[in-house]
Amino acid sequence: MNDYIIHLLSMPRNHIPRIQDFVEETVSMYSTDDFRTHYRLIRTTVEIILRIIAPRLTAVHEGGKEEITPEKQLHLFIWYLANQESMRETGNLFGVSLSTVHKTVIKVTSTLKKVFLNVIQWLDQAAQNTTVQSFQLASGFPGIIGVLDWTHIRLSSPIGGDSDYINRKGYPSIQ
C-alpha cells in the first residue's frame, strides 16, 4: 500500500491548459462601458477598493504555486459576483483552479467584511424615519429605508406581459 501511495505522489501532474493574463491583458483593454457591463462597477471604484484591501490580500509565498496578485483576486471575486458563471467557468477565465476560485471568494469576502465593517451601517432610528418619509414623498412607496441600484427581485410568475419582466440574466424580475 505504501509503495502505491509513493508511486502516486511521484507521478508528474498533468498540465492543464489555462487562459493566461486575462486581467492584465484583456480587462485592462476594456472600454469604460465594457468594464461596467462585466463588473457592474466603474473601474475607479474597483481601483479604490483594491488600494484599500490589497495589503490584506498579499500573502507571503511559502512554496508551491505562486500566489495570485491582489488585483487578480479582486477582479476574480467581482467577476464571479457580477456574472452568472460558475466557479469552474470563472477559474477557466482567470487561469486558476476551481479550488483557488473558492478560496479567493472566501478570502476576499472576509477581507471586505473586516475592512468595511464600519463603513456600511444601518441608519439610526431618526435617520430611518426621515428617509422613509422622503422616499415615500418622492416615490409613493411607504416604509422604504434604502434601495440598491441594479438589484433584481425575482418574480415567481409575472401577471401578463411576461416578456416585459425578463431581465438581462434571462429570468423574470423587477428592479
N, C-alpha and C. Protein backbone atom coordinates (compact mmCIF):
# COMPACT_ATOMS: atom_id res chain seq x y z
N MET A 1 0.82 -1.19 0.00
CA MET A 1 0.00 0.00 0.00
C MET A 1 0.87 1.26 0.00
N ASN A 2 1.88 1.30 0.86
CA ASN A 2 2.77 2.46 0.91
C ASN A 2 3.48 2.68 -0.42
N ASP A 3 3.87 1.59 -1.09
CA ASP A 3 4.54 1.72 -2.39
C ASP A 3 3.60 2.38 -3.41
N TYR A 4 2.33 2.02 -3.35
CA TYR A 4 1.37 2.58 -4.29
C TYR A 4 1.20 4.08 -4.04
N ILE A 5 1.12 4.49 -2.79
CA ILE A 5 0.98 5.90 -2.45
C ILE A 5 2.22 6.67 -2.90
N ILE A 6 3.39 6.11 -2.65
CA ILE A 6 4.62 6.75 -3.09
C ILE A 6 4.65 6.88 -4.61
N HIS A 7 4.18 5.85 -5.30
CA HIS A 7 4.11 5.88 -6.76
C HIS A 7 3.18 7.00 -7.23
N LEU A 8 2.01 7.13 -6.61
CA LEU A 8 1.06 8.17 -6.99
C LEU A 8 1.64 9.57 -6.74
N LEU A 9 2.31 9.73 -5.61
CA LEU A 9 2.87 11.03 -5.28
C LEU A 9 4.05 11.40 -6.17
N SER A 10 4.73 10.41 -6.71
CA SER A 10 5.89 10.70 -7.55
C SER A 10 5.53 10.94 -9.01
N MET A 11 4.28 10.67 -9.39
CA MET A 11 3.86 10.86 -10.77
C MET A 11 3.77 12.36 -11.08
N PRO A 12 4.22 12.76 -12.27
CA PRO A 12 4.10 14.18 -12.62
C PRO A 12 2.63 14.56 -12.81
N ARG A 13 2.30 15.78 -12.43
CA ARG A 13 0.93 16.26 -12.59
C ARG A 13 0.69 16.56 -14.07
N ASN A 14 -0.53 16.29 -14.50
CA ASN A 14 -0.90 16.63 -15.87
C ASN A 14 -0.99 18.14 -16.00
N HIS A 15 -0.47 18.63 -17.11
CA HIS A 15 -0.57 20.07 -17.36
C HIS A 15 -1.99 20.38 -17.81
N ILE A 16 -2.61 21.34 -17.16
CA ILE A 16 -3.96 21.76 -17.52
C ILE A 16 -3.83 23.11 -18.23
N PRO A 17 -4.21 23.16 -19.50
CA PRO A 17 -4.10 24.45 -20.20
C PRO A 17 -5.06 25.48 -19.59
N ARG A 18 -4.57 26.70 -19.40
CA ARG A 18 -5.36 27.75 -18.78
C ARG A 18 -5.16 29.06 -19.53
N ILE A 19 -6.15 29.92 -19.46
CA ILE A 19 -6.01 31.26 -20.01
C ILE A 19 -5.02 32.01 -19.14
N GLN A 20 -4.10 32.70 -19.77
CA GLN A 20 -3.08 33.43 -19.02
C GLN A 20 -3.31 34.93 -19.14
N ASP A 21 -3.06 35.66 -18.08
CA ASP A 21 -3.04 37.12 -18.06
C ASP A 21 -4.35 37.78 -18.52
N PHE A 22 -5.48 37.19 -18.17
CA PHE A 22 -6.78 37.76 -18.56
C PHE A 22 -6.95 39.17 -17.99
N VAL A 23 -6.66 39.34 -16.70
CA VAL A 23 -6.83 40.66 -16.07
C VAL A 23 -5.83 41.64 -16.67
N GLU A 24 -4.58 41.22 -16.78
CA GLU A 24 -3.52 42.12 -17.22
C GLU A 24 -3.67 42.53 -18.68
N GLU A 25 -4.06 41.60 -19.54
CA GLU A 25 -4.07 41.89 -20.97
C GLU A 25 -5.46 42.19 -21.53
N THR A 26 -6.48 41.50 -21.08
CA THR A 26 -7.82 41.68 -21.66
C THR A 26 -8.61 42.74 -20.91
N VAL A 27 -8.75 42.58 -19.60
CA VAL A 27 -9.56 43.52 -18.82
C VAL A 27 -8.98 44.93 -18.90
N SER A 28 -7.67 45.04 -18.92
CA SER A 28 -7.05 46.37 -18.99
C SER A 28 -7.40 47.09 -20.29
N MET A 29 -7.81 46.35 -21.31
CA MET A 29 -8.17 46.95 -22.60
C MET A 29 -9.67 47.25 -22.72
N TYR A 30 -10.46 46.85 -21.74
CA TYR A 30 -11.90 47.10 -21.79
C TYR A 30 -12.19 48.60 -21.84
N SER A 31 -13.18 48.97 -22.65
CA SER A 31 -13.66 50.35 -22.62
C SER A 31 -14.37 50.56 -21.28
N THR A 32 -14.68 51.81 -20.98
CA THR A 32 -15.40 52.13 -19.75
C THR A 32 -16.74 51.38 -19.70
N ASP A 33 -17.45 51.38 -20.82
CA ASP A 33 -18.76 50.70 -20.87
C ASP A 33 -18.62 49.19 -20.73
N ASP A 34 -17.62 48.60 -21.41
CA ASP A 34 -17.42 47.15 -21.31
C ASP A 34 -17.07 46.75 -19.88
N PHE A 35 -16.20 47.55 -19.24
CA PHE A 35 -15.82 47.25 -17.86
C PHE A 35 -17.05 47.25 -16.98
N ARG A 36 -17.87 48.28 -17.09
CA ARG A 36 -19.07 48.36 -16.25
C ARG A 36 -20.05 47.23 -16.55
N THR A 37 -20.16 46.85 -17.82
CA THR A 37 -21.05 45.75 -18.19
C THR A 37 -20.61 44.44 -17.53
N HIS A 38 -19.32 44.17 -17.54
CA HIS A 38 -18.81 42.91 -16.99
C HIS A 38 -18.70 42.91 -15.47
N TYR A 39 -18.37 44.04 -14.89
CA TYR A 39 -18.10 44.10 -13.45
C TYR A 39 -19.22 44.74 -12.64
N ARG A 40 -20.18 45.40 -13.30
CA ARG A 40 -21.28 46.09 -12.64
C ARG A 40 -20.78 47.20 -11.72
N LEU A 41 -19.55 47.63 -11.92
CA LEU A 41 -18.93 48.73 -11.19
C LEU A 41 -18.10 49.53 -12.18
N ILE A 42 -17.80 50.77 -11.84
CA ILE A 42 -16.88 51.51 -12.70
C ILE A 42 -15.45 51.19 -12.27
N ARG A 43 -14.53 51.36 -13.19
CA ARG A 43 -13.13 50.98 -12.97
C ARG A 43 -12.53 51.68 -11.75
N THR A 44 -12.84 52.97 -11.57
CA THR A 44 -12.25 53.70 -10.44
C THR A 44 -12.72 53.14 -9.10
N THR A 45 -13.94 52.65 -9.02
CA THR A 45 -14.42 52.04 -7.78
C THR A 45 -13.60 50.80 -7.45
N VAL A 46 -13.35 49.98 -8.46
CA VAL A 46 -12.54 48.76 -8.26
C VAL A 46 -11.13 49.15 -7.84
N GLU A 47 -10.57 50.18 -8.45
CA GLU A 47 -9.21 50.63 -8.10
C GLU A 47 -9.15 51.13 -6.67
N ILE A 48 -10.17 51.86 -6.22
CA ILE A 48 -10.21 52.35 -4.84
C ILE A 48 -10.29 51.19 -3.86
N ILE A 49 -11.18 50.24 -4.13
CA ILE A 49 -11.31 49.07 -3.26
C ILE A 49 -9.99 48.32 -3.22
N LEU A 50 -9.33 48.17 -4.36
CA LEU A 50 -8.05 47.45 -4.41
C LEU A 50 -7.00 48.14 -3.56
N ARG A 51 -6.90 49.45 -3.65
CA ARG A 51 -5.92 50.18 -2.84
C ARG A 51 -6.15 49.94 -1.34
N ILE A 52 -7.41 49.86 -0.96
CA ILE A 52 -7.74 49.68 0.46
C ILE A 52 -7.46 48.27 0.94
N ILE A 53 -7.80 47.26 0.13
CA ILE A 53 -7.69 45.88 0.63
C ILE A 53 -6.45 45.12 0.16
N ALA A 54 -5.70 45.65 -0.80
CA ALA A 54 -4.54 44.93 -1.34
C ALA A 54 -3.56 44.45 -0.27
N PRO A 55 -3.21 45.30 0.71
CA PRO A 55 -2.27 44.82 1.73
C PRO A 55 -2.76 43.57 2.47
N ARG A 56 -4.06 43.44 2.61
CA ARG A 56 -4.62 42.29 3.33
C ARG A 56 -4.72 41.05 2.44
N LEU A 57 -4.65 41.24 1.12
CA LEU A 57 -4.75 40.11 0.19
C LEU A 57 -3.37 39.59 -0.22
N THR A 58 -2.33 40.34 0.10
CA THR A 58 -0.97 39.93 -0.26
C THR A 58 -0.50 38.89 0.74
N ALA A 59 -0.06 37.76 0.21
CA ALA A 59 0.41 36.68 1.08
C ALA A 59 1.90 36.45 0.87
N VAL A 60 2.56 35.94 1.87
CA VAL A 60 3.96 35.57 1.75
C VAL A 60 4.00 34.22 1.05
N HIS A 61 4.79 34.15 -0.03
CA HIS A 61 4.86 32.90 -0.79
C HIS A 61 5.68 31.88 -0.01
N GLU A 62 5.09 30.73 0.22
CA GLU A 62 5.73 29.69 1.02
C GLU A 62 5.99 28.43 0.21
N GLY A 63 6.20 28.58 -1.08
CA GLY A 63 6.46 27.42 -1.94
C GLY A 63 5.19 27.01 -2.66
N GLY A 64 5.34 26.05 -3.56
CA GLY A 64 4.19 25.62 -4.35
C GLY A 64 3.91 26.63 -5.44
N LYS A 65 2.67 26.64 -5.91
CA LYS A 65 2.31 27.58 -6.97
C LYS A 65 2.34 29.00 -6.45
N GLU A 66 2.67 29.93 -7.34
CA GLU A 66 2.70 31.34 -6.97
C GLU A 66 1.32 31.80 -6.50
N GLU A 67 1.31 32.67 -5.52
CA GLU A 67 0.06 33.28 -5.08
C GLU A 67 -0.45 34.19 -6.19
N ILE A 68 -1.76 34.30 -6.31
CA ILE A 68 -2.28 35.23 -7.30
C ILE A 68 -2.29 36.63 -6.71
N THR A 69 -2.10 37.62 -7.54
CA THR A 69 -1.97 39.01 -7.08
C THR A 69 -3.27 39.49 -6.45
N PRO A 70 -3.17 40.49 -5.57
CA PRO A 70 -4.38 41.08 -5.02
C PRO A 70 -5.31 41.61 -6.11
N GLU A 71 -4.75 42.20 -7.16
CA GLU A 71 -5.57 42.71 -8.26
C GLU A 71 -6.37 41.59 -8.91
N LYS A 72 -5.71 40.47 -9.18
CA LYS A 72 -6.39 39.34 -9.81
C LYS A 72 -7.43 38.75 -8.86
N GLN A 73 -7.13 38.69 -7.57
CA GLN A 73 -8.09 38.18 -6.60
C GLN A 73 -9.36 39.03 -6.58
N LEU A 74 -9.20 40.35 -6.55
CA LEU A 74 -10.36 41.23 -6.51
C LEU A 74 -11.16 41.13 -7.80
N HIS A 75 -10.48 41.13 -8.94
CA HIS A 75 -11.18 41.02 -10.22
C HIS A 75 -11.94 39.70 -10.32
N LEU A 76 -11.31 38.62 -9.91
CA LEU A 76 -11.96 37.31 -9.93
C LEU A 76 -13.21 37.34 -9.05
N PHE A 77 -13.08 37.88 -7.86
CA PHE A 77 -14.19 37.97 -6.91
C PHE A 77 -15.36 38.76 -7.49
N ILE A 78 -15.08 39.94 -8.02
CA ILE A 78 -16.15 40.78 -8.56
C ILE A 78 -16.76 40.13 -9.79
N TRP A 79 -15.93 39.56 -10.66
CA TRP A 79 -16.44 38.89 -11.86
C TRP A 79 -17.40 37.77 -11.47
N TYR A 80 -17.00 36.98 -10.48
CA TYR A 80 -17.84 35.87 -10.02
C TYR A 80 -19.19 36.37 -9.50
N LEU A 81 -19.19 37.46 -8.74
CA LEU A 81 -20.43 38.00 -8.21
C LEU A 81 -21.28 38.69 -9.27
N ALA A 82 -20.64 39.32 -10.25
CA ALA A 82 -21.36 40.14 -11.22
C ALA A 82 -21.92 39.35 -12.40
N ASN A 83 -21.50 38.12 -12.56
CA ASN A 83 -21.91 37.33 -13.72
C ASN A 83 -22.54 36.02 -13.27
N GLN A 84 -23.22 35.38 -14.17
CA GLN A 84 -23.87 34.12 -13.83
C GLN A 84 -23.01 32.93 -14.21
N GLU A 85 -21.72 33.05 -14.03
CA GLU A 85 -20.82 31.96 -14.37
C GLU A 85 -20.51 31.15 -13.11
N SER A 86 -20.25 29.88 -13.32
CA SER A 86 -19.90 29.01 -12.20
C SER A 86 -18.47 29.30 -11.75
N MET A 87 -18.11 28.74 -10.62
CA MET A 87 -16.72 28.88 -10.16
C MET A 87 -15.77 28.23 -11.16
N ARG A 88 -16.19 27.13 -11.75
CA ARG A 88 -15.34 26.45 -12.75
C ARG A 88 -15.11 27.36 -13.96
N GLU A 89 -16.17 27.99 -14.46
CA GLU A 89 -16.03 28.90 -15.61
C GLU A 89 -15.17 30.11 -15.25
N THR A 90 -15.37 30.65 -14.06
CA THR A 90 -14.57 31.79 -13.60
C THR A 90 -13.11 31.38 -13.51
N GLY A 91 -12.83 30.20 -12.98
CA GLY A 91 -11.46 29.71 -12.88
C GLY A 91 -10.81 29.57 -14.25
N ASN A 92 -11.56 29.03 -15.21
CA ASN A 92 -11.02 28.89 -16.56
C ASN A 92 -10.67 30.25 -17.15
N LEU A 93 -11.52 31.22 -16.95
CA LEU A 93 -11.29 32.56 -17.49
C LEU A 93 -10.07 33.22 -16.85
N PHE A 94 -9.92 33.06 -15.54
CA PHE A 94 -8.83 33.71 -14.82
C PHE A 94 -7.58 32.84 -14.71
N GLY A 95 -7.62 31.64 -15.28
CA GLY A 95 -6.43 30.80 -15.32
C GLY A 95 -6.07 30.18 -13.99
N VAL A 96 -7.08 29.87 -13.16
CA VAL A 96 -6.83 29.25 -11.87
C VAL A 96 -7.77 28.06 -11.69
N SER A 97 -7.50 27.26 -10.69
CA SER A 97 -8.31 26.08 -10.44
C SER A 97 -9.62 26.43 -9.74
N LEU A 98 -10.53 25.49 -9.75
CA LEU A 98 -11.81 25.64 -9.06
C LEU A 98 -11.59 25.92 -7.58
N SER A 99 -10.66 25.19 -6.96
CA SER A 99 -10.42 25.39 -5.53
C SER A 99 -9.83 26.77 -5.24
N THR A 100 -9.03 27.30 -6.17
CA THR A 100 -8.48 28.65 -5.99
C THR A 100 -9.59 29.69 -6.07
N VAL A 101 -10.54 29.51 -6.98
CA VAL A 101 -11.68 30.43 -7.06
C VAL A 101 -12.43 30.41 -5.73
N HIS A 102 -12.71 29.22 -5.23
CA HIS A 102 -13.45 29.08 -3.98
C HIS A 102 -12.72 29.77 -2.84
N LYS A 103 -11.43 29.50 -2.71
CA LYS A 103 -10.63 30.11 -1.63
C LYS A 103 -10.56 31.62 -1.79
N THR A 104 -10.45 32.08 -3.02
CA THR A 104 -10.36 33.52 -3.27
C THR A 104 -11.67 34.23 -2.92
N VAL A 105 -12.80 33.64 -3.29
CA VAL A 105 -14.10 34.24 -2.96
C VAL A 105 -14.25 34.35 -1.45
N ILE A 106 -13.89 33.31 -0.74
CA ILE A 106 -13.97 33.34 0.73
C ILE A 106 -13.02 34.38 1.32
N LYS A 107 -11.79 34.40 0.81
CA LYS A 107 -10.77 35.32 1.33
C LYS A 107 -11.15 36.79 1.09
N VAL A 108 -11.59 37.11 -0.12
CA VAL A 108 -11.95 38.50 -0.43
C VAL A 108 -13.22 38.90 0.34
N THR A 109 -14.19 38.00 0.44
CA THR A 109 -15.40 38.30 1.22
C THR A 109 -15.03 38.63 2.66
N SER A 110 -14.19 37.80 3.25
CA SER A 110 -13.77 38.00 4.64
C SER A 110 -13.01 39.32 4.78
N THR A 111 -12.15 39.61 3.83
CA THR A 111 -11.37 40.85 3.88
C THR A 111 -12.28 42.07 3.76
N LEU A 112 -13.20 42.04 2.82
CA LEU A 112 -14.13 43.17 2.65
C LEU A 112 -14.97 43.38 3.91
N LYS A 113 -15.39 42.28 4.51
CA LYS A 113 -16.20 42.37 5.73
C LYS A 113 -15.41 43.06 6.85
N LYS A 114 -14.14 42.66 7.01
CA LYS A 114 -13.31 43.25 8.06
C LYS A 114 -13.03 44.72 7.79
N VAL A 115 -12.68 45.04 6.56
CA VAL A 115 -12.27 46.40 6.22
C VAL A 115 -13.45 47.37 6.23
N PHE A 116 -14.59 46.92 5.70
CA PHE A 116 -15.71 47.83 5.54
C PHE A 116 -16.79 47.66 6.61
N LEU A 117 -16.50 46.94 7.66
CA LEU A 117 -17.48 46.71 8.71
C LEU A 117 -18.04 48.01 9.28
N ASN A 118 -17.19 49.01 9.43
CA ASN A 118 -17.63 50.29 9.99
C ASN A 118 -18.04 51.29 8.92
N VAL A 119 -17.95 50.92 7.66
CA VAL A 119 -18.31 51.84 6.58
C VAL A 119 -19.78 51.67 6.22
N ILE A 120 -20.22 50.44 6.10
CA ILE A 120 -21.61 50.16 5.74
C ILE A 120 -22.38 49.92 7.04
N GLN A 121 -23.28 50.84 7.35
CA GLN A 121 -24.00 50.76 8.60
C GLN A 121 -25.48 51.07 8.39
N TRP A 122 -26.31 50.54 9.27
CA TRP A 122 -27.72 50.88 9.27
C TRP A 122 -27.89 52.28 9.81
N LEU A 123 -28.91 52.96 9.33
CA LEU A 123 -29.24 54.29 9.83
C LEU A 123 -29.81 54.17 11.25
N ASP A 124 -29.58 55.20 12.05
CA ASP A 124 -30.23 55.21 13.37
C ASP A 124 -31.71 55.48 13.16
N GLN A 125 -32.51 55.35 14.21
CA GLN A 125 -33.96 55.43 14.09
C GLN A 125 -34.43 56.76 13.51
N ALA A 126 -33.84 57.87 13.96
CA ALA A 126 -34.24 59.18 13.47
C ALA A 126 -33.96 59.31 11.97
N ALA A 127 -32.79 58.86 11.53
CA ALA A 127 -32.44 58.93 10.11
C ALA A 127 -33.34 57.99 9.29
N GLN A 128 -33.69 56.83 9.86
CA GLN A 128 -34.61 55.92 9.17
C GLN A 128 -35.96 56.59 8.95
N ASN A 129 -36.48 57.23 9.96
CA ASN A 129 -37.78 57.91 9.86
C ASN A 129 -37.76 59.00 8.78
N THR A 130 -36.68 59.80 8.77
CA THR A 130 -36.54 60.86 7.77
C THR A 130 -36.46 60.26 6.37
N THR A 131 -35.69 59.19 6.20
CA THR A 131 -35.53 58.55 4.90
C THR A 131 -36.85 57.95 4.42
N VAL A 132 -37.57 57.28 5.32
CA VAL A 132 -38.88 56.70 4.97
C VAL A 132 -39.81 57.78 4.45
N GLN A 133 -39.88 58.89 5.16
CA GLN A 133 -40.78 59.98 4.74
C GLN A 133 -40.35 60.57 3.39
N SER A 134 -39.06 60.81 3.22
CA SER A 134 -38.55 61.39 1.97
C SER A 134 -38.80 60.45 0.80
N PHE A 135 -38.54 59.16 1.00
CA PHE A 135 -38.71 58.19 -0.08
C PHE A 135 -40.19 58.08 -0.45
N GLN A 136 -41.05 58.08 0.55
CA GLN A 136 -42.49 57.98 0.27
C GLN A 136 -42.98 59.21 -0.49
N LEU A 137 -42.51 60.39 -0.14
CA LEU A 137 -42.90 61.61 -0.86
C LEU A 137 -42.42 61.56 -2.31
N ALA A 138 -41.21 61.05 -2.52
CA ALA A 138 -40.64 61.03 -3.86
C ALA A 138 -41.21 59.93 -4.74
N SER A 139 -41.54 58.77 -4.14
CA SER A 139 -41.91 57.61 -4.95
C SER A 139 -43.32 57.07 -4.70
N GLY A 140 -43.86 57.38 -3.55
CA GLY A 140 -45.17 56.83 -3.21
C GLY A 140 -45.09 55.48 -2.51
N PHE A 141 -43.89 54.97 -2.32
CA PHE A 141 -43.72 53.68 -1.64
C PHE A 141 -43.50 53.93 -0.15
N PRO A 142 -44.33 53.36 0.72
CA PRO A 142 -44.17 53.56 2.16
C PRO A 142 -43.17 52.56 2.77
N GLY A 143 -42.53 52.95 3.86
CA GLY A 143 -41.72 52.05 4.66
C GLY A 143 -40.38 51.66 4.05
N ILE A 144 -39.84 52.46 3.12
CA ILE A 144 -38.57 52.12 2.47
C ILE A 144 -37.46 52.93 3.11
N ILE A 145 -36.41 52.25 3.58
CA ILE A 145 -35.27 52.96 4.17
C ILE A 145 -34.03 52.93 3.28
N GLY A 146 -34.08 52.19 2.18
CA GLY A 146 -32.93 52.17 1.27
C GLY A 146 -33.20 51.30 0.07
N VAL A 147 -32.46 51.56 -0.98
CA VAL A 147 -32.57 50.77 -2.21
C VAL A 147 -31.17 50.50 -2.73
N LEU A 148 -31.04 49.44 -3.50
CA LEU A 148 -29.78 49.10 -4.15
C LEU A 148 -29.96 49.22 -5.65
N ASP A 149 -29.04 49.90 -6.29
CA ASP A 149 -29.09 50.02 -7.74
C ASP A 149 -28.70 48.68 -8.37
N TRP A 150 -29.29 48.36 -9.49
CA TRP A 150 -29.00 47.16 -10.26
C TRP A 150 -29.49 45.89 -9.56
N THR A 151 -30.31 46.02 -8.54
CA THR A 151 -30.80 44.85 -7.83
C THR A 151 -32.08 44.36 -8.49
N HIS A 152 -32.13 43.07 -8.75
CA HIS A 152 -33.31 42.47 -9.33
C HIS A 152 -33.98 41.58 -8.30
N ILE A 153 -35.29 41.72 -8.17
CA ILE A 153 -36.06 40.86 -7.28
C ILE A 153 -36.80 39.87 -8.18
N ARG A 154 -36.48 38.59 -7.99
CA ARG A 154 -37.04 37.55 -8.85
C ARG A 154 -38.55 37.45 -8.66
N LEU A 155 -39.25 37.33 -9.77
CA LEU A 155 -40.70 37.14 -9.75
C LEU A 155 -40.98 35.67 -10.03
N SER A 156 -41.90 35.09 -9.26
CA SER A 156 -42.22 33.68 -9.49
C SER A 156 -43.10 33.51 -10.72
N SER A 157 -44.06 34.38 -10.91
CA SER A 157 -44.91 34.30 -12.11
C SER A 157 -45.54 35.66 -12.36
N PRO A 158 -44.93 36.41 -13.29
CA PRO A 158 -45.48 37.73 -13.57
C PRO A 158 -46.89 37.64 -14.13
N ILE A 159 -47.70 38.62 -13.82
CA ILE A 159 -49.09 38.65 -14.28
C ILE A 159 -49.13 39.34 -15.64
N GLY A 160 -49.35 38.55 -16.69
CA GLY A 160 -49.45 39.10 -18.05
C GLY A 160 -48.18 39.80 -18.49
N GLY A 161 -47.94 39.90 -19.77
CA GLY A 161 -46.77 40.58 -20.29
C GLY A 161 -45.47 40.03 -19.76
N ASP A 162 -45.40 38.68 -19.65
CA ASP A 162 -44.22 38.05 -19.05
C ASP A 162 -42.91 38.54 -19.65
N SER A 163 -42.87 38.72 -20.97
CA SER A 163 -41.62 39.12 -21.61
C SER A 163 -41.19 40.52 -21.18
N ASP A 164 -42.11 41.31 -20.69
CA ASP A 164 -41.76 42.65 -20.23
C ASP A 164 -40.91 42.62 -18.96
N TYR A 165 -40.92 41.50 -18.26
CA TYR A 165 -40.22 41.39 -16.99
C TYR A 165 -38.94 40.56 -17.04
N ILE A 166 -38.54 40.09 -18.22
CA ILE A 166 -37.33 39.27 -18.34
C ILE A 166 -36.11 40.19 -18.28
N ASN A 167 -35.20 39.90 -17.35
CA ASN A 167 -34.02 40.75 -17.19
C ASN A 167 -32.86 40.25 -18.05
N ARG A 168 -31.70 40.90 -17.93
CA ARG A 168 -30.53 40.54 -18.73
C ARG A 168 -30.03 39.13 -18.44
N LYS A 169 -30.42 38.57 -17.30
CA LYS A 169 -29.97 37.23 -16.94
C LYS A 169 -30.96 36.15 -17.39
N GLY A 170 -32.07 36.58 -18.00
CA GLY A 170 -32.99 35.63 -18.59
C GLY A 170 -34.11 35.14 -17.70
N TYR A 171 -34.34 35.76 -16.55
CA TYR A 171 -35.45 35.35 -15.70
C TYR A 171 -36.32 36.57 -15.36
N PRO A 172 -37.58 36.34 -15.02
CA PRO A 172 -38.46 37.48 -14.72
C PRO A 172 -38.12 38.11 -13.37
N SER A 173 -38.04 39.46 -13.39
CA SER A 173 -37.74 40.18 -12.15
C SER A 173 -38.22 41.61 -12.28
N ILE A 174 -38.21 42.30 -11.13
CA ILE A 174 -38.41 43.73 -11.13
C ILE A 174 -37.15 44.35 -10.55
N GLN A 175 -36.90 45.57 -10.95
CA GLN A 175 -35.69 46.22 -10.49
C GLN A 175 -36.01 47.34 -9.54
